[in-house]
Amino acid sequence: MFRSLSLALRKRNIDQEKIEKIVNAIVRKLENFGDTEVKTTLIGEYIMEALSHLDQIAYVRFASVYKNFREVKDFEDFLGNLEDNPEDK
């Protein structure tokens, strides 16, 4: 999780401590479920949520991999949804 966040935030002005705090917060959320197994989709959604509030560029970078963008249209659609729903970031 730390590596994925670090890659999305590469060359952004976010320090490692902030990334560690995000990872720890997500881990705590997951631990609250009490399950021994957690779906990767849930982890991905938590990462997307955290990035949407932290850094829009990193959010789009992560989304492009997480949502498996294949062509420019995928980016356009995603960015269009961001513009349509600014509260979702």
N, C-alpha and C. Protein backbone atom coordinates (compact mmCIF):
# COMPACT_ATOMS: atom_id res chain seq x y z
N MET A 1 0.83 -1.18 0.00
CA MET A 1 0.00 0.00 0.00
C MET A 1 0.88 1.26 0.00
N PHE A 2 1.91 1.25 0.83
CA PHE A 2 2.82 2.39 0.89
C PHE A 2 3.47 2.64 -0.46
N ARG A 3 3.89 1.56 -1.12
CA ARG A 3 4.53 1.70 -2.43
C ARG A 3 3.57 2.28 -3.46
N SER A 4 2.34 1.81 -3.47
CA SER A 4 1.34 2.32 -4.42
C SER A 4 1.09 3.80 -4.21
N LEU A 5 0.95 4.19 -2.96
CA LEU A 5 0.75 5.61 -2.66
C LEU A 5 1.98 6.43 -3.05
N SER A 6 3.16 5.90 -2.75
CA SER A 6 4.40 6.62 -3.09
C SER A 6 4.53 6.82 -4.59
N LEU A 7 4.17 5.81 -5.36
CA LEU A 7 4.24 5.94 -6.82
C LEU A 7 3.26 6.99 -7.32
N ALA A 8 2.06 6.96 -6.81
CA ALA A 8 1.06 7.95 -7.24
C ALA A 8 1.47 9.36 -6.86
N LEU A 9 2.16 9.48 -5.74
CA LEU A 9 2.56 10.80 -5.22
C LEU A 9 3.97 11.21 -5.63
N ARG A 10 4.60 10.41 -6.47
CA ARG A 10 5.97 10.72 -6.89
C ARG A 10 6.02 12.10 -7.55
N LYS A 11 7.00 12.88 -7.16
CA LYS A 11 7.24 14.24 -7.66
C LYS A 11 6.13 15.21 -7.27
N ARG A 12 5.34 14.83 -6.28
CA ARG A 12 4.35 15.74 -5.70
C ARG A 12 4.93 16.18 -4.36
N ASN A 13 4.54 17.29 -3.86
CA ASN A 13 5.12 17.83 -2.64
C ASN A 13 4.43 17.27 -1.39
N ILE A 14 4.49 15.95 -1.25
CA ILE A 14 3.89 15.26 -0.10
C ILE A 14 5.00 14.47 0.58
N ASP A 15 5.19 14.70 1.87
CA ASP A 15 6.29 14.02 2.56
C ASP A 15 5.91 12.59 2.95
N GLN A 16 6.93 11.79 3.20
CA GLN A 16 6.76 10.38 3.52
C GLN A 16 5.92 10.18 4.79
N GLU A 17 6.04 11.09 5.72
CA GLU A 17 5.28 10.98 6.96
C GLU A 17 3.78 11.03 6.68
N LYS A 18 3.37 11.89 5.76
CA LYS A 18 1.95 11.99 5.39
C LYS A 18 1.48 10.68 4.76
N ILE A 19 2.32 10.09 3.92
CA ILE A 19 1.97 8.81 3.29
C ILE A 19 1.81 7.73 4.36
N GLU A 20 2.73 7.70 5.31
CA GLU A 20 2.65 6.72 6.40
C GLU A 20 1.37 6.90 7.21
N LYS A 21 0.97 8.14 7.45
CA LYS A 21 -0.27 8.40 8.19
C LYS A 21 -1.49 7.88 7.42
N ILE A 22 -1.48 8.06 6.11
CA ILE A 22 -2.59 7.56 5.28
C ILE A 22 -2.64 6.04 5.36
N VAL A 23 -1.48 5.39 5.20
CA VAL A 23 -1.42 3.93 5.27
C VAL A 23 -1.94 3.45 6.62
N ASN A 24 -1.47 4.07 7.69
CA ASN A 24 -1.90 3.67 9.03
C ASN A 24 -3.40 3.86 9.22
N ALA A 25 -3.95 4.94 8.70
CA ALA A 25 -5.39 5.18 8.82
C ALA A 25 -6.18 4.11 8.06
N ILE A 26 -5.70 3.74 6.89
CA ILE A 26 -6.39 2.71 6.10
C ILE A 26 -6.29 1.36 6.81
N VAL A 27 -5.13 1.05 7.34
CA VAL A 27 -4.95 -0.21 8.07
C VAL A 27 -5.91 -0.26 9.27
N ARG A 28 -6.03 0.83 9.99
CA ARG A 28 -6.96 0.87 11.13
C ARG A 28 -8.41 0.63 10.68
N LYS A 29 -8.79 1.25 9.56
CA LYS A 29 -10.15 1.04 9.03
C LYS A 29 -10.37 -0.44 8.72
N LEU A 30 -9.38 -1.04 8.09
CA LEU A 30 -9.49 -2.45 7.71
C LEU A 30 -9.54 -3.35 8.94
N GLU A 31 -8.76 -3.03 9.95
CA GLU A 31 -8.75 -3.82 11.18
C GLU A 31 -10.10 -3.76 11.89
N ASN A 32 -10.80 -2.66 11.74
CA ASN A 32 -12.11 -2.51 12.37
C ASN A 32 -13.15 -3.47 11.82
N PHE A 33 -12.90 -4.00 10.62
CA PHE A 33 -13.82 -4.98 10.05
C PHE A 33 -13.74 -6.30 10.80
N GLY A 34 -12.58 -6.60 11.37
CA GLY A 34 -12.42 -7.83 12.13
C GLY A 34 -12.23 -9.07 11.28
N ASP A 35 -12.22 -8.92 9.97
CA ASP A 35 -12.01 -10.08 9.10
C ASP A 35 -10.52 -10.32 8.91
N THR A 36 -10.16 -11.58 8.70
CA THR A 36 -8.75 -11.89 8.45
C THR A 36 -8.38 -11.65 7.00
N GLU A 37 -9.37 -11.64 6.13
CA GLU A 37 -9.13 -11.38 4.71
C GLU A 37 -9.92 -10.14 4.29
N VAL A 38 -9.26 -9.32 3.47
CA VAL A 38 -9.88 -8.10 2.98
C VAL A 38 -9.74 -8.07 1.47
N LYS A 39 -10.81 -7.73 0.79
CA LYS A 39 -10.75 -7.64 -0.67
C LYS A 39 -9.89 -6.47 -1.10
N THR A 40 -9.11 -6.68 -2.14
CA THR A 40 -8.24 -5.62 -2.64
C THR A 40 -9.06 -4.44 -3.16
N THR A 41 -10.28 -4.70 -3.60
CA THR A 41 -11.11 -3.60 -4.08
C THR A 41 -11.42 -2.61 -2.96
N LEU A 42 -11.60 -3.12 -1.75
CA LEU A 42 -11.86 -2.25 -0.61
C LEU A 42 -10.62 -1.40 -0.30
N ILE A 43 -9.46 -2.02 -0.34
CA ILE A 43 -8.21 -1.29 -0.12
C ILE A 43 -8.06 -0.21 -1.18
N GLY A 44 -8.30 -0.57 -2.43
CA GLY A 44 -8.20 0.39 -3.53
C GLY A 44 -9.14 1.57 -3.35
N GLU A 45 -10.36 1.29 -2.91
CA GLU A 45 -11.33 2.37 -2.69
C GLU A 45 -10.89 3.29 -1.56
N TYR A 46 -10.33 2.73 -0.51
CA TYR A 46 -9.82 3.56 0.59
C TYR A 46 -8.65 4.43 0.14
N ILE A 47 -7.79 3.86 -0.69
CA ILE A 47 -6.67 4.65 -1.22
C ILE A 47 -7.19 5.77 -2.11
N MET A 48 -8.15 5.44 -2.97
CA MET A 48 -8.74 6.46 -3.85
C MET A 48 -9.36 7.59 -3.03
N GLU A 49 -10.08 7.22 -1.99
CA GLU A 49 -10.71 8.23 -1.13
C GLU A 49 -9.66 9.15 -0.50
N ALA A 50 -8.61 8.55 0.03
CA ALA A 50 -7.55 9.35 0.68
C ALA A 50 -6.88 10.28 -0.32
N LEU A 51 -6.56 9.76 -1.51
CA LEU A 51 -5.89 10.58 -2.52
C LEU A 51 -6.80 11.69 -3.04
N SER A 52 -8.08 11.43 -3.11
CA SER A 52 -9.00 12.45 -3.63
C SER A 52 -8.99 13.69 -2.74
N HIS A 53 -8.72 13.51 -1.46
CA HIS A 53 -8.68 14.64 -0.54
C HIS A 53 -7.28 15.24 -0.43
N LEU A 54 -6.28 14.48 -0.84
CA LEU A 54 -4.90 14.92 -0.65
C LEU A 54 -4.31 15.60 -1.88
N ASP A 55 -4.45 14.97 -3.05
CA ASP A 55 -3.77 15.47 -4.25
C ASP A 55 -4.49 14.95 -5.50
N GLN A 56 -5.06 15.85 -6.27
CA GLN A 56 -5.83 15.47 -7.46
C GLN A 56 -4.99 14.73 -8.50
N ILE A 57 -3.75 15.16 -8.69
CA ILE A 57 -2.89 14.51 -9.68
C ILE A 57 -2.61 13.07 -9.27
N ALA A 58 -2.25 12.88 -8.02
CA ALA A 58 -1.98 11.53 -7.52
C ALA A 58 -3.25 10.68 -7.59
N TYR A 59 -4.38 11.29 -7.35
CA TYR A 59 -5.67 10.60 -7.43
C TYR A 59 -5.89 10.05 -8.84
N VAL A 60 -5.66 10.88 -9.85
CA VAL A 60 -5.84 10.45 -11.24
C VAL A 60 -4.78 9.41 -11.61
N ARG A 61 -3.56 9.60 -11.17
CA ARG A 61 -2.50 8.61 -11.45
C ARG A 61 -2.89 7.24 -10.90
N PHE A 62 -3.30 7.22 -9.63
CA PHE A 62 -3.67 5.95 -9.01
C PHE A 62 -4.88 5.35 -9.72
N ALA A 63 -5.87 6.18 -10.00
CA ALA A 63 -7.08 5.70 -10.67
C ALA A 63 -6.77 5.08 -12.02
N SER A 64 -5.81 5.64 -12.74
CA SER A 64 -5.49 5.12 -14.07
C SER A 64 -4.99 3.69 -14.01
N VAL A 65 -4.31 3.34 -12.94
CA VAL A 65 -3.82 1.96 -12.77
C VAL A 65 -4.91 1.11 -12.13
N TYR A 66 -5.49 1.61 -11.05
CA TYR A 66 -6.50 0.87 -10.30
C TYR A 66 -7.71 0.52 -11.16
N LYS A 67 -8.14 1.48 -11.97
CA LYS A 67 -9.31 1.26 -12.81
C LYS A 67 -8.94 0.77 -14.21
N ASN A 68 -7.65 0.54 -14.41
CA ASN A 68 -7.15 -0.09 -15.63
C ASN A 68 -7.49 0.70 -16.89
N PHE A 69 -7.15 1.99 -16.89
CA PHE A 69 -7.39 2.81 -18.07
C PHE A 69 -6.61 2.24 -19.25
N ARG A 70 -7.26 2.13 -20.39
CA ARG A 70 -6.63 1.55 -21.58
C ARG A 70 -6.38 2.57 -22.69
N GLU A 71 -7.15 3.65 -22.67
CA GLU A 71 -7.03 4.64 -23.74
C GLU A 71 -7.34 6.03 -23.19
N VAL A 72 -7.08 7.02 -23.99
CA VAL A 72 -7.27 8.41 -23.58
C VAL A 72 -8.72 8.66 -23.16
N LYS A 73 -9.65 8.04 -23.83
CA LYS A 73 -11.08 8.22 -23.50
C LYS A 73 -11.36 7.84 -22.05
N ASP A 74 -10.67 6.83 -21.54
CA ASP A 74 -10.86 6.45 -20.14
C ASP A 74 -10.49 7.61 -19.20
N PHE A 75 -9.39 8.29 -19.53
CA PHE A 75 -8.99 9.47 -18.74
C PHE A 75 -10.03 10.58 -18.88
N GLU A 76 -10.47 10.82 -20.11
CA GLU A 76 -11.45 11.88 -20.35
C GLU A 76 -12.73 11.63 -19.57
N ASP A 77 -13.20 10.38 -19.60
CA ASP A 77 -14.42 10.04 -18.87
C ASP A 77 -14.24 10.24 -17.37
N PHE A 78 -13.11 9.78 -16.85
CA PHE A 78 -12.83 9.91 -15.42
C PHE A 78 -12.75 11.38 -15.02
N LEU A 79 -12.02 12.16 -15.81
CA LEU A 79 -11.88 13.59 -15.51
C LEU A 79 -13.22 14.31 -15.64
N GLY A 80 -14.02 13.90 -16.62
CA GLY A 80 -15.35 14.48 -16.78
C GLY A 80 -16.22 14.22 -15.56
N ASN A 81 -16.10 13.03 -14.99
CA ASN A 81 -16.85 12.71 -13.77
C ASN A 81 -16.37 13.56 -12.60
N LEU A 82 -15.08 13.86 -12.56
CA LEU A 82 -14.56 14.73 -11.50
C LEU A 82 -15.17 16.12 -11.60
N GLU A 83 -15.26 16.62 -12.82
CA GLU A 83 -15.82 17.95 -13.04
C GLU A 83 -17.32 17.98 -12.73
N ASP A 84 -18.01 16.87 -13.04
CA ASP A 84 -19.45 16.80 -12.78
C ASP A 84 -19.76 16.67 -11.30
N ASN A 85 -18.84 16.07 -10.54
CA ASN A 85 -19.05 15.81 -9.12
C ASN A 85 -17.89 16.37 -8.30
N PRO A 86 -17.74 17.68 -8.23
CA PRO A 86 -16.59 18.25 -7.53
C PRO A 86 -16.51 17.86 -6.06
N GLU A 87 -17.66 17.55 -5.43
CA GLU A 87 -17.61 17.16 -4.03
C GLU A 87 -16.98 15.78 -3.85
N ASP A 88 -16.96 14.96 -4.91
CA ASP A 88 -16.33 13.64 -4.85
C ASP A 88 -14.83 13.72 -5.06
N LYS A 89 -14.37 14.81 -5.67
CA LYS A 89 -12.97 14.99 -6.04
C LYS A 89 -12.47 13.74 -6.67
